Amino acid sequence: MATTITGGASFAGATVLPVEYVEPRWYAVQTCANHEKRVLQQLGQRTVEAYLPQYESMRRWKDRRVRLDLPLFPGYVFVHLALCDRLRVLQTPSVVRLVGFGGQLAALPDQEIDAMRQGLTHGMRLEPHPYLKVGQRVRVKTGPLQGLQGILVRKKNVSRFVISLELIMRSVATEIDVTELEPLL
């Protein structure tokens, strides 16, 4: 029976694992189209901490209006796990893959997930926004998103703060007062 040791060196009779293999981090999970809520439920049954940020959207048909809760990042669910537990996620029906680059899984910064959760918990209105690479980079000075960096854009004469998750190439936007922002150099 091997002992798990984190670090880097190998010891006689011990298995050495990288820190990221045993330390829980946030990862993006790509799902089949329109299966985000189902995957979230199934991950919960497998005791995997998962997060699906959602926003409220009003849809209008000829005969009625309906309020829908839609995924903020269509096609993605976020999981908090150690890489040694990744099979519980990958074996979940409707999961396509864990997002990574060059064969290596890429962890999301805890601050991005925490800020998004904090904003949604405090009633901040987030909605999907096209992924941007250009625009003025800014940092939030006050409020639940304090310290977060993003891009300032204008929509219908209203300032909006766009937060981009580089890993999955998706963005969300929220209205914000420019006095809460400071430019980054």
N, C-alpha and C. Protein backbone atom coordinates (compact mmCIF):
# COMPACT_ATOMS: atom_id res chain seq x y z
N MET A 1 0.84 -1.17 0.00
CA MET A 1 0.00 0.00 0.00
C MET A 1 0.89 1.24 0.00
N ALA A 2 0.61 2.15 -0.94
CA ALA A 2 1.44 3.34 -1.09
C ALA A 2 0.90 4.48 -0.23
N THR A 3 1.80 5.31 0.22
CA THR A 3 1.45 6.51 0.98
C THR A 3 1.45 7.69 0.03
N THR A 4 0.46 8.54 0.15
CA THR A 4 0.40 9.72 -0.71
C THR A 4 1.19 10.85 -0.08
N ILE A 5 2.11 11.39 -0.84
CA ILE A 5 2.92 12.50 -0.40
C ILE A 5 2.85 13.56 -1.48
N THR A 6 2.63 14.78 -1.09
CA THR A 6 2.65 15.86 -2.08
C THR A 6 4.00 16.54 -2.02
N GLY A 7 4.41 17.00 -3.14
CA GLY A 7 5.70 17.68 -3.21
C GLY A 7 6.36 17.36 -4.52
N GLY A 8 7.54 16.81 -4.50
CA GLY A 8 8.21 16.55 -5.76
C GLY A 8 9.14 15.36 -5.72
N ALA A 9 9.73 15.02 -4.57
CA ALA A 9 10.72 13.96 -4.51
C ALA A 9 10.06 12.60 -4.32
N SER A 10 10.76 11.56 -4.71
CA SER A 10 10.26 10.19 -4.57
C SER A 10 10.96 9.54 -3.38
N PHE A 11 10.19 8.84 -2.56
CA PHE A 11 10.72 8.14 -1.41
C PHE A 11 10.44 6.66 -1.59
N ALA A 12 11.26 5.83 -0.99
CA ALA A 12 11.10 4.38 -1.12
C ALA A 12 9.72 3.96 -0.64
N GLY A 13 8.97 3.27 -1.50
CA GLY A 13 7.66 2.75 -1.14
C GLY A 13 6.56 3.78 -1.13
N ALA A 14 6.81 4.99 -1.59
CA ALA A 14 5.80 6.05 -1.55
C ALA A 14 5.49 6.52 -2.97
N THR A 15 4.24 6.90 -3.16
CA THR A 15 3.83 7.48 -4.42
C THR A 15 3.82 8.98 -4.26
N VAL A 16 4.51 9.68 -5.14
CA VAL A 16 4.59 11.12 -5.05
C VAL A 16 3.63 11.73 -6.08
N LEU A 17 2.74 12.59 -5.60
CA LEU A 17 1.74 13.20 -6.47
C LEU A 17 1.92 14.72 -6.47
N PRO A 18 1.71 15.34 -7.62
CA PRO A 18 1.77 16.81 -7.65
C PRO A 18 0.68 17.40 -6.77
N VAL A 19 0.90 18.60 -6.27
CA VAL A 19 -0.04 19.26 -5.37
C VAL A 19 -1.42 19.37 -6.02
N GLU A 20 -1.47 19.77 -7.31
CA GLU A 20 -2.76 19.96 -7.97
C GLU A 20 -3.55 18.66 -8.11
N TYR A 21 -2.89 17.53 -7.96
CA TYR A 21 -3.57 16.25 -8.07
C TYR A 21 -4.42 15.94 -6.84
N VAL A 22 -4.02 16.45 -5.68
CA VAL A 22 -4.74 16.16 -4.45
C VAL A 22 -5.43 17.39 -3.84
N GLU A 23 -5.06 18.59 -4.29
CA GLU A 23 -5.65 19.82 -3.76
C GLU A 23 -6.83 20.24 -4.63
N PRO A 24 -8.03 20.43 -4.05
CA PRO A 24 -9.20 20.82 -4.86
C PRO A 24 -9.04 22.20 -5.49
N ARG A 25 -9.41 22.29 -6.75
CA ARG A 25 -9.41 23.56 -7.49
C ARG A 25 -10.65 23.59 -8.37
N TRP A 26 -10.96 24.77 -8.91
CA TRP A 26 -12.11 24.92 -9.79
C TRP A 26 -11.71 24.61 -11.24
N TYR A 27 -12.52 23.79 -11.89
CA TYR A 27 -12.30 23.43 -13.29
C TYR A 27 -13.60 23.63 -14.06
N ALA A 28 -13.47 23.94 -15.33
CA ALA A 28 -14.64 24.06 -16.20
C ALA A 28 -14.89 22.70 -16.84
N VAL A 29 -16.16 22.29 -16.84
CA VAL A 29 -16.57 21.04 -17.46
C VAL A 29 -17.45 21.38 -18.65
N GLN A 30 -17.07 20.92 -19.83
CA GLN A 30 -17.90 21.13 -21.00
C GLN A 30 -18.98 20.05 -21.03
N THR A 31 -20.23 20.47 -21.30
CA THR A 31 -21.35 19.54 -21.31
C THR A 31 -21.94 19.47 -22.72
N CYS A 32 -22.78 18.49 -22.94
CA CYS A 32 -23.56 18.44 -24.18
C CYS A 32 -24.50 19.65 -24.18
N ALA A 33 -24.89 20.07 -25.36
CA ALA A 33 -25.76 21.25 -25.49
C ALA A 33 -27.04 21.09 -24.67
N ASN A 34 -27.37 22.11 -23.90
CA ASN A 34 -28.60 22.18 -23.09
C ASN A 34 -28.69 21.10 -22.02
N HIS A 35 -27.58 20.57 -21.56
CA HIS A 35 -27.58 19.54 -20.52
C HIS A 35 -26.95 20.03 -19.22
N GLU A 36 -26.73 21.33 -19.09
CA GLU A 36 -26.03 21.87 -17.92
C GLU A 36 -26.74 21.54 -16.61
N LYS A 37 -28.05 21.74 -16.55
CA LYS A 37 -28.79 21.49 -15.30
C LYS A 37 -28.82 20.01 -14.97
N ARG A 38 -28.93 19.17 -15.97
CA ARG A 38 -28.92 17.72 -15.75
C ARG A 38 -27.56 17.28 -15.22
N VAL A 39 -26.48 17.81 -15.79
CA VAL A 39 -25.13 17.47 -15.33
C VAL A 39 -24.94 17.95 -13.89
N LEU A 40 -25.41 19.16 -13.58
CA LEU A 40 -25.31 19.68 -12.22
C LEU A 40 -25.97 18.73 -11.22
N GLN A 41 -27.15 18.27 -11.56
CA GLN A 41 -27.89 17.35 -10.68
C GLN A 41 -27.13 16.03 -10.52
N GLN A 42 -26.62 15.50 -11.61
CA GLN A 42 -25.91 14.22 -11.55
C GLN A 42 -24.59 14.34 -10.78
N LEU A 43 -23.91 15.47 -10.90
CA LEU A 43 -22.68 15.67 -10.14
C LEU A 43 -22.99 15.74 -8.65
N GLY A 44 -24.11 16.37 -8.30
CA GLY A 44 -24.53 16.41 -6.90
C GLY A 44 -24.78 15.02 -6.34
N GLN A 45 -25.36 14.14 -7.14
CA GLN A 45 -25.59 12.76 -6.71
C GLN A 45 -24.29 12.00 -6.53
N ARG A 46 -23.25 12.44 -7.23
CA ARG A 46 -21.93 11.81 -7.12
C ARG A 46 -21.06 12.51 -6.08
N THR A 47 -21.64 13.38 -5.29
CA THR A 47 -20.98 14.17 -4.24
C THR A 47 -19.79 14.97 -4.77
N VAL A 48 -19.97 15.56 -5.95
CA VAL A 48 -18.97 16.45 -6.52
C VAL A 48 -19.50 17.87 -6.36
N GLU A 49 -18.70 18.76 -5.77
CA GLU A 49 -19.11 20.16 -5.64
C GLU A 49 -19.14 20.79 -7.02
N ALA A 50 -20.31 21.24 -7.43
CA ALA A 50 -20.48 21.81 -8.76
C ALA A 50 -21.24 23.13 -8.65
N TYR A 51 -21.01 23.98 -9.64
CA TYR A 51 -21.63 25.31 -9.64
C TYR A 51 -22.07 25.64 -11.07
N LEU A 52 -23.33 26.04 -11.19
CA LEU A 52 -23.89 26.45 -12.48
C LEU A 52 -24.46 27.85 -12.31
N PRO A 53 -23.70 28.89 -12.65
CA PRO A 53 -24.24 30.24 -12.55
C PRO A 53 -25.35 30.44 -13.58
N GLN A 54 -26.46 31.07 -13.15
CA GLN A 54 -27.60 31.26 -14.03
C GLN A 54 -28.07 32.71 -13.98
N TYR A 55 -28.77 33.11 -15.02
CA TYR A 55 -29.37 34.44 -15.06
C TYR A 55 -30.83 34.29 -15.47
N GLU A 56 -31.60 35.31 -15.14
CA GLU A 56 -33.03 35.30 -15.42
C GLU A 56 -33.29 35.98 -16.77
N SER A 57 -34.10 35.34 -17.60
CA SER A 57 -34.43 35.89 -18.91
C SER A 57 -35.93 35.78 -19.13
N MET A 58 -36.52 36.86 -19.64
CA MET A 58 -37.95 36.83 -19.98
C MET A 58 -38.07 36.49 -21.47
N ARG A 59 -38.87 35.49 -21.77
CA ARG A 59 -39.12 35.09 -23.15
C ARG A 59 -40.59 35.32 -23.45
N ARG A 60 -40.86 35.80 -24.64
CA ARG A 60 -42.24 36.12 -25.00
C ARG A 60 -42.64 35.29 -26.22
N TRP A 61 -43.76 34.58 -26.05
CA TRP A 61 -44.38 33.87 -27.15
C TRP A 61 -45.67 34.60 -27.49
N LYS A 62 -46.35 34.15 -28.50
CA LYS A 62 -47.60 34.81 -28.93
C LYS A 62 -48.63 34.86 -27.81
N ASP A 63 -48.72 33.81 -27.03
CA ASP A 63 -49.79 33.72 -26.04
C ASP A 63 -49.36 33.99 -24.59
N ARG A 64 -48.05 34.09 -24.32
CA ARG A 64 -47.62 34.27 -22.92
C ARG A 64 -46.17 34.74 -22.83
N ARG A 65 -45.84 35.16 -21.60
CA ARG A 65 -44.46 35.51 -21.27
C ARG A 65 -43.98 34.54 -20.20
N VAL A 66 -42.73 34.11 -20.32
CA VAL A 66 -42.19 33.13 -19.39
C VAL A 66 -40.84 33.62 -18.88
N ARG A 67 -40.63 33.45 -17.58
CA ARG A 67 -39.34 33.75 -16.97
C ARG A 67 -38.53 32.47 -16.91
N LEU A 68 -37.35 32.49 -17.50
CA LEU A 68 -36.49 31.31 -17.53
C LEU A 68 -35.18 31.57 -16.79
N ASP A 69 -34.67 30.56 -16.12
CA ASP A 69 -33.34 30.62 -15.54
C ASP A 69 -32.42 29.88 -16.51
N LEU A 70 -31.52 30.62 -17.14
CA LEU A 70 -30.64 30.06 -18.16
C LEU A 70 -29.20 30.07 -17.69
N PRO A 71 -28.39 29.13 -18.17
CA PRO A 71 -26.97 29.11 -17.78
C PRO A 71 -26.26 30.37 -18.26
N LEU A 72 -25.47 30.95 -17.39
CA LEU A 72 -24.70 32.13 -17.74
C LEU A 72 -23.61 31.79 -18.75
N PHE A 73 -23.09 30.58 -18.67
CA PHE A 73 -22.09 30.09 -19.61
C PHE A 73 -22.63 28.82 -20.27
N PRO A 74 -23.41 28.96 -21.35
CA PRO A 74 -24.01 27.78 -21.99
C PRO A 74 -22.94 26.74 -22.36
N GLY A 75 -23.23 25.51 -22.00
CA GLY A 75 -22.31 24.42 -22.32
C GLY A 75 -21.26 24.15 -21.28
N TYR A 76 -21.32 24.85 -20.13
CA TYR A 76 -20.29 24.67 -19.10
C TYR A 76 -20.89 24.63 -17.70
N VAL A 77 -20.30 23.78 -16.86
CA VAL A 77 -20.57 23.70 -15.43
C VAL A 77 -19.20 23.74 -14.77
N PHE A 78 -19.11 24.33 -13.60
CA PHE A 78 -17.84 24.42 -12.89
C PHE A 78 -17.83 23.43 -11.74
N VAL A 79 -16.70 22.74 -11.55
CA VAL A 79 -16.56 21.76 -10.47
C VAL A 79 -15.35 22.12 -9.63
N HIS A 80 -15.46 21.83 -8.33
CA HIS A 80 -14.37 22.05 -7.38
C HIS A 80 -13.92 20.68 -6.92
N LEU A 81 -12.77 20.23 -7.42
CA LEU A 81 -12.31 18.90 -7.06
C LEU A 81 -10.82 18.79 -7.24
N ALA A 82 -10.28 17.77 -6.61
CA ALA A 82 -8.88 17.40 -6.81
C ALA A 82 -8.82 16.54 -8.07
N LEU A 83 -7.75 16.65 -8.82
CA LEU A 83 -7.66 15.92 -10.08
C LEU A 83 -7.73 14.40 -9.90
N CYS A 84 -7.37 13.92 -8.72
CA CYS A 84 -7.46 12.48 -8.48
C CYS A 84 -8.91 12.00 -8.50
N ASP A 85 -9.88 12.93 -8.38
CA ASP A 85 -11.30 12.57 -8.39
C ASP A 85 -11.96 12.87 -9.74
N ARG A 86 -11.19 13.17 -10.77
CA ARG A 86 -11.77 13.61 -12.04
C ARG A 86 -12.62 12.55 -12.74
N LEU A 87 -12.39 11.28 -12.46
CA LEU A 87 -13.20 10.23 -13.11
C LEU A 87 -14.66 10.30 -12.70
N ARG A 88 -14.94 10.75 -11.46
CA ARG A 88 -16.34 10.90 -11.05
C ARG A 88 -17.05 11.91 -11.95
N VAL A 89 -16.32 12.88 -12.45
CA VAL A 89 -16.90 13.89 -13.35
C VAL A 89 -16.96 13.34 -14.77
N LEU A 90 -15.86 12.79 -15.25
CA LEU A 90 -15.77 12.34 -16.64
C LEU A 90 -16.72 11.19 -16.96
N GLN A 91 -17.09 10.41 -15.95
CA GLN A 91 -18.01 9.28 -16.16
C GLN A 91 -19.47 9.70 -16.05
N THR A 92 -19.72 10.97 -15.81
CA THR A 92 -21.08 11.48 -15.69
C THR A 92 -21.69 11.61 -17.08
N PRO A 93 -22.90 11.08 -17.29
CA PRO A 93 -23.55 11.24 -18.60
C PRO A 93 -23.69 12.71 -18.98
N SER A 94 -23.52 13.02 -20.24
CA SER A 94 -23.62 14.36 -20.83
C SER A 94 -22.41 15.24 -20.57
N VAL A 95 -21.38 14.73 -19.89
CA VAL A 95 -20.13 15.47 -19.73
C VAL A 95 -19.26 15.15 -20.94
N VAL A 96 -18.78 16.20 -21.60
CA VAL A 96 -17.92 16.02 -22.77
C VAL A 96 -16.47 15.91 -22.34
N ARG A 97 -16.00 16.89 -21.54
CA ARG A 97 -14.60 16.87 -21.11
C ARG A 97 -14.38 17.92 -20.04
N LEU A 98 -13.25 17.79 -19.36
CA LEU A 98 -12.73 18.84 -18.49
C LEU A 98 -11.87 19.72 -19.39
N VAL A 99 -12.00 21.03 -19.25
CA VAL A 99 -11.32 21.95 -20.15
C VAL A 99 -9.84 22.07 -19.78
N GLY A 100 -9.01 22.02 -20.79
CA GLY A 100 -7.58 22.18 -20.61
C GLY A 100 -6.92 22.51 -21.93
N PHE A 101 -5.60 22.62 -21.90
CA PHE A 101 -4.84 22.96 -23.09
C PHE A 101 -3.60 22.07 -23.16
N GLY A 102 -3.29 21.61 -24.35
CA GLY A 102 -2.09 20.80 -24.55
C GLY A 102 -2.06 19.55 -23.70
N GLY A 103 -3.20 18.94 -23.47
CA GLY A 103 -3.27 17.72 -22.67
C GLY A 103 -3.23 17.95 -21.17
N GLN A 104 -3.14 19.20 -20.74
CA GLN A 104 -3.11 19.52 -19.31
C GLN A 104 -4.41 20.23 -18.92
N LEU A 105 -5.05 19.77 -17.86
CA LEU A 105 -6.26 20.43 -17.37
C LEU A 105 -5.87 21.79 -16.79
N ALA A 106 -6.73 22.77 -17.02
CA ALA A 106 -6.44 24.13 -16.56
C ALA A 106 -7.43 24.52 -15.46
N ALA A 107 -6.90 24.91 -14.32
CA ALA A 107 -7.73 25.34 -13.20
C ALA A 107 -8.09 26.81 -13.37
N LEU A 108 -9.31 27.15 -12.91
CA LEU A 108 -9.76 28.54 -12.91
C LEU A 108 -9.33 29.19 -11.60
N PRO A 109 -9.01 30.48 -11.63
CA PRO A 109 -8.68 31.16 -10.38
C PRO A 109 -9.88 31.16 -9.43
N ASP A 110 -9.66 30.82 -8.17
CA ASP A 110 -10.73 30.81 -7.17
C ASP A 110 -11.42 32.16 -7.10
N GLN A 111 -10.67 33.25 -7.28
CA GLN A 111 -11.22 34.60 -7.17
C GLN A 111 -12.33 34.83 -8.19
N GLU A 112 -12.18 34.31 -9.41
CA GLU A 112 -13.20 34.51 -10.44
C GLU A 112 -14.51 33.82 -10.07
N ILE A 113 -14.43 32.59 -9.61
CA ILE A 113 -15.64 31.84 -9.23
C ILE A 113 -16.26 32.48 -7.99
N ASP A 114 -15.44 32.82 -6.99
CA ASP A 114 -15.95 33.44 -5.76
C ASP A 114 -16.63 34.77 -6.05
N ALA A 115 -16.04 35.59 -6.92
CA ALA A 115 -16.63 36.89 -7.25
C ALA A 115 -17.97 36.72 -7.97
N MET A 116 -18.04 35.75 -8.86
CA MET A 116 -19.29 35.50 -9.58
C MET A 116 -20.37 35.02 -8.61
N ARG A 117 -20.02 34.10 -7.72
CA ARG A 117 -20.98 33.62 -6.72
C ARG A 117 -21.44 34.76 -5.83
N GLN A 118 -20.49 35.58 -5.38
CA GLN A 118 -20.80 36.71 -4.51
C GLN A 118 -21.74 37.69 -5.20
N GLY A 119 -21.44 38.00 -6.44
CA GLY A 119 -22.28 38.93 -7.20
C GLY A 119 -23.69 38.42 -7.38
N LEU A 120 -23.83 37.15 -7.75
CA LEU A 120 -25.16 36.57 -7.95
C LEU A 120 -25.92 36.45 -6.63
N THR A 121 -25.22 36.14 -5.55
CA THR A 121 -25.85 36.03 -4.24
C THR A 121 -26.39 37.38 -3.78
N HIS A 122 -25.69 38.46 -4.10
CA HIS A 122 -26.10 39.81 -3.69
C HIS A 122 -27.05 40.45 -4.69
N GLY A 123 -27.62 39.66 -5.58
CA GLY A 123 -28.63 40.17 -6.51
C GLY A 123 -28.07 40.96 -7.68
N MET A 124 -26.77 40.89 -7.89
CA MET A 124 -26.19 41.58 -9.04
C MET A 124 -26.71 40.92 -10.31
N ARG A 125 -27.12 41.73 -11.24
CA ARG A 125 -27.69 41.22 -12.49
C ARG A 125 -26.57 40.96 -13.50
N LEU A 126 -26.26 39.69 -13.73
CA LEU A 126 -25.27 39.29 -14.71
C LEU A 126 -26.00 38.71 -15.91
N GLU A 127 -25.42 38.87 -17.08
CA GLU A 127 -25.99 38.27 -18.28
C GLU A 127 -24.84 37.93 -19.23
N PRO A 128 -25.03 36.98 -20.13
CA PRO A 128 -23.96 36.64 -21.06
C PRO A 128 -23.58 37.84 -21.92
N HIS A 129 -22.35 37.87 -22.32
CA HIS A 129 -21.83 38.97 -23.14
C HIS A 129 -20.83 38.37 -24.11
N PRO A 130 -20.74 38.89 -25.31
CA PRO A 130 -19.74 38.35 -26.25
C PRO A 130 -18.33 38.46 -25.66
N TYR A 131 -17.52 37.45 -25.91
CA TYR A 131 -16.15 37.45 -25.41
C TYR A 131 -15.38 38.58 -26.08
N LEU A 132 -14.68 39.37 -25.29
CA LEU A 132 -13.95 40.53 -25.81
C LEU A 132 -12.46 40.38 -25.55
N LYS A 133 -11.68 40.86 -26.47
CA LYS A 133 -10.24 40.92 -26.27
C LYS A 133 -9.76 42.36 -26.27
N VAL A 134 -10.55 43.24 -26.84
CA VAL A 134 -10.13 44.64 -26.91
C VAL A 134 -11.04 45.48 -26.03
N GLY A 135 -10.62 46.67 -25.68
CA GLY A 135 -11.39 47.56 -24.82
C GLY A 135 -10.53 47.99 -23.64
N GLN A 136 -11.03 48.92 -22.90
CA GLN A 136 -10.27 49.44 -21.76
C GLN A 136 -10.33 48.48 -20.60
N ARG A 137 -9.18 48.09 -20.11
CA ARG A 137 -9.10 47.21 -18.94
C ARG A 137 -9.25 48.05 -17.69
N VAL A 138 -10.09 47.56 -16.77
CA VAL A 138 -10.37 48.29 -15.54
C VAL A 138 -10.39 47.33 -14.35
N ARG A 139 -10.32 47.91 -13.15
CA ARG A 139 -10.41 47.15 -11.91
C ARG A 139 -11.52 47.76 -11.08
N VAL A 140 -12.32 46.92 -10.43
CA VAL A 140 -13.41 47.39 -9.57
C VAL A 140 -12.82 47.80 -8.23
N LYS A 141 -13.16 49.03 -7.79
CA LYS A 141 -12.62 49.58 -6.53
C LYS A 141 -13.48 49.22 -5.33
N THR A 142 -14.82 49.14 -5.50
CA THR A 142 -15.72 48.90 -4.36
C THR A 142 -16.80 47.91 -4.75
N GLY A 143 -17.51 47.42 -3.74
CA GLY A 143 -18.65 46.53 -3.98
C GLY A 143 -18.27 45.06 -3.95
N PRO A 144 -19.23 44.17 -4.28
CA PRO A 144 -18.98 42.73 -4.20
C PRO A 144 -17.93 42.23 -5.19
N LEU A 145 -17.67 42.98 -6.25
CA LEU A 145 -16.67 42.56 -7.25
C LEU A 145 -15.33 43.25 -7.04
N GLN A 146 -15.13 43.87 -5.89
CA GLN A 146 -13.91 44.62 -5.60
C GLN A 146 -12.66 43.81 -5.92
N GLY A 147 -11.73 44.45 -6.65
CA GLY A 147 -10.46 43.81 -6.99
C GLY A 147 -10.49 43.05 -8.30
N LEU A 148 -11.67 42.77 -8.82
CA LEU A 148 -11.78 42.02 -10.06
C LEU A 148 -11.42 42.91 -11.25
N GLN A 149 -10.75 42.33 -12.21
CA GLN A 149 -10.36 43.07 -13.41
C GLN A 149 -11.23 42.63 -14.58
N GLY A 150 -11.51 43.59 -15.48
CA GLY A 150 -12.32 43.28 -16.64
C GLY A 150 -12.21 44.40 -17.66
N ILE A 151 -13.20 44.48 -18.52
CA ILE A 151 -13.19 45.44 -19.61
C ILE A 151 -14.42 46.34 -19.48
N LEU A 152 -14.23 47.62 -19.69
CA LEU A 152 -15.33 48.58 -19.66
C LEU A 152 -15.87 48.75 -21.07
N VAL A 153 -17.20 48.58 -21.22
CA VAL A 153 -17.86 48.80 -22.50
C VAL A 153 -19.10 49.65 -22.26
N ARG A 154 -19.66 50.17 -23.33
CA ARG A 154 -20.90 50.95 -23.24
C ARG A 154 -21.97 50.24 -24.04
N LYS A 155 -23.19 50.22 -23.49
CA LYS A 155 -24.35 49.66 -24.17
C LYS A 155 -25.53 50.56 -23.84
N LYS A 156 -26.09 51.19 -24.86
CA LYS A 156 -27.23 52.10 -24.69
C LYS A 156 -26.92 53.18 -23.65
N ASN A 157 -25.77 53.81 -23.76
CA ASN A 157 -25.33 54.88 -22.87
C ASN A 157 -25.19 54.46 -21.41
N VAL A 158 -25.04 53.17 -21.16
CA VAL A 158 -24.84 52.65 -19.81
C VAL A 158 -23.48 51.96 -19.76
N SER A 159 -22.72 52.22 -18.72
CA SER A 159 -21.43 51.56 -18.55
C SER A 159 -21.65 50.13 -18.08
N ARG A 160 -20.89 49.24 -18.68
CA ARG A 160 -20.98 47.82 -18.32
C ARG A 160 -19.58 47.30 -18.08
N PHE A 161 -19.47 46.43 -17.09
CA PHE A 161 -18.21 45.80 -16.73
C PHE A 161 -18.26 44.37 -17.24
N VAL A 162 -17.32 44.01 -18.09
CA VAL A 162 -17.29 42.69 -18.70
C VAL A 162 -16.18 41.87 -18.06
N ILE A 163 -16.57 40.72 -17.51
CA ILE A 163 -15.63 39.78 -16.90
C ILE A 163 -15.45 38.64 -17.88
N SER A 164 -14.21 38.35 -18.24
CA SER A 164 -13.93 37.28 -19.21
C SER A 164 -13.21 36.13 -18.53
N LEU A 165 -13.70 34.93 -18.75
CA LEU A 165 -13.03 33.71 -18.28
C LEU A 165 -12.20 33.21 -19.45
N GLU A 166 -10.91 33.48 -19.41
CA GLU A 166 -10.02 33.16 -20.52
C GLU A 166 -10.06 31.67 -20.87
N LEU A 167 -10.14 30.84 -19.86
CA LEU A 167 -10.05 29.39 -20.06
C LEU A 167 -11.12 28.87 -21.00
N ILE A 168 -12.35 29.35 -20.86
CA ILE A 168 -13.43 28.83 -21.71
C ILE A 168 -13.87 29.83 -22.76
N MET A 169 -13.15 30.96 -22.86
CA MET A 169 -13.42 31.99 -23.85
C MET A 169 -14.89 32.42 -23.82
N ARG A 170 -15.37 32.76 -22.63
CA ARG A 170 -16.73 33.27 -22.42
C ARG A 170 -16.65 34.50 -21.53
N SER A 171 -17.66 35.35 -21.65
CA SER A 171 -17.70 36.57 -20.85
C SER A 171 -19.10 36.82 -20.33
N VAL A 172 -19.18 37.58 -19.24
CA VAL A 172 -20.46 38.05 -18.70
C VAL A 172 -20.31 39.54 -18.47
N ALA A 173 -21.45 40.24 -18.49
CA ALA A 173 -21.43 41.69 -18.30
C ALA A 173 -22.45 42.09 -17.25
N THR A 174 -22.15 43.16 -16.52
CA THR A 174 -23.08 43.73 -15.55
C THR A 174 -22.98 45.25 -15.63
N GLU A 175 -24.10 45.90 -15.35
CA GLU A 175 -24.09 47.36 -15.32
C GLU A 175 -23.32 47.80 -14.08
N ILE A 176 -22.57 48.87 -14.25
CA ILE A 176 -21.75 49.36 -13.13
C ILE A 176 -21.56 50.86 -13.29
N ASP A 177 -21.43 51.53 -12.17
CA ASP A 177 -21.15 52.96 -12.17
C ASP A 177 -19.65 53.14 -12.38
N VAL A 178 -19.27 54.01 -13.31
CA VAL A 178 -17.84 54.19 -13.61
C VAL A 178 -17.06 54.72 -12.42
N THR A 179 -17.72 55.29 -11.45
CA THR A 179 -17.00 55.76 -10.26
C THR A 179 -16.48 54.61 -9.42
N GLU A 180 -17.00 53.40 -9.65
CA GLU A 180 -16.53 52.22 -8.93
C GLU A 180 -15.33 51.58 -9.61
N LEU A 181 -14.89 52.14 -10.74
CA LEU A 181 -13.82 51.54 -11.53
C LEU A 181 -12.57 52.42 -11.53
N GLU A 182 -11.43 51.75 -11.71
CA GLU A 182 -10.19 52.49 -11.92
C GLU A 182 -9.47 51.84 -13.11
N PRO A 183 -8.86 52.66 -13.96
CA PRO A 183 -8.19 52.10 -15.15
C PRO A 183 -6.92 51.36 -14.75
N LEU A 184 -6.61 50.33 -15.54
CA LEU A 184 -5.35 49.59 -15.37
C LEU A 184 -4.38 50.12 -16.40
N LEU A 185 -3.14 50.23 -16.01
CA LEU A 185 -2.12 50.72 -16.93
C LEU A 185 -1.42 49.61 -17.64
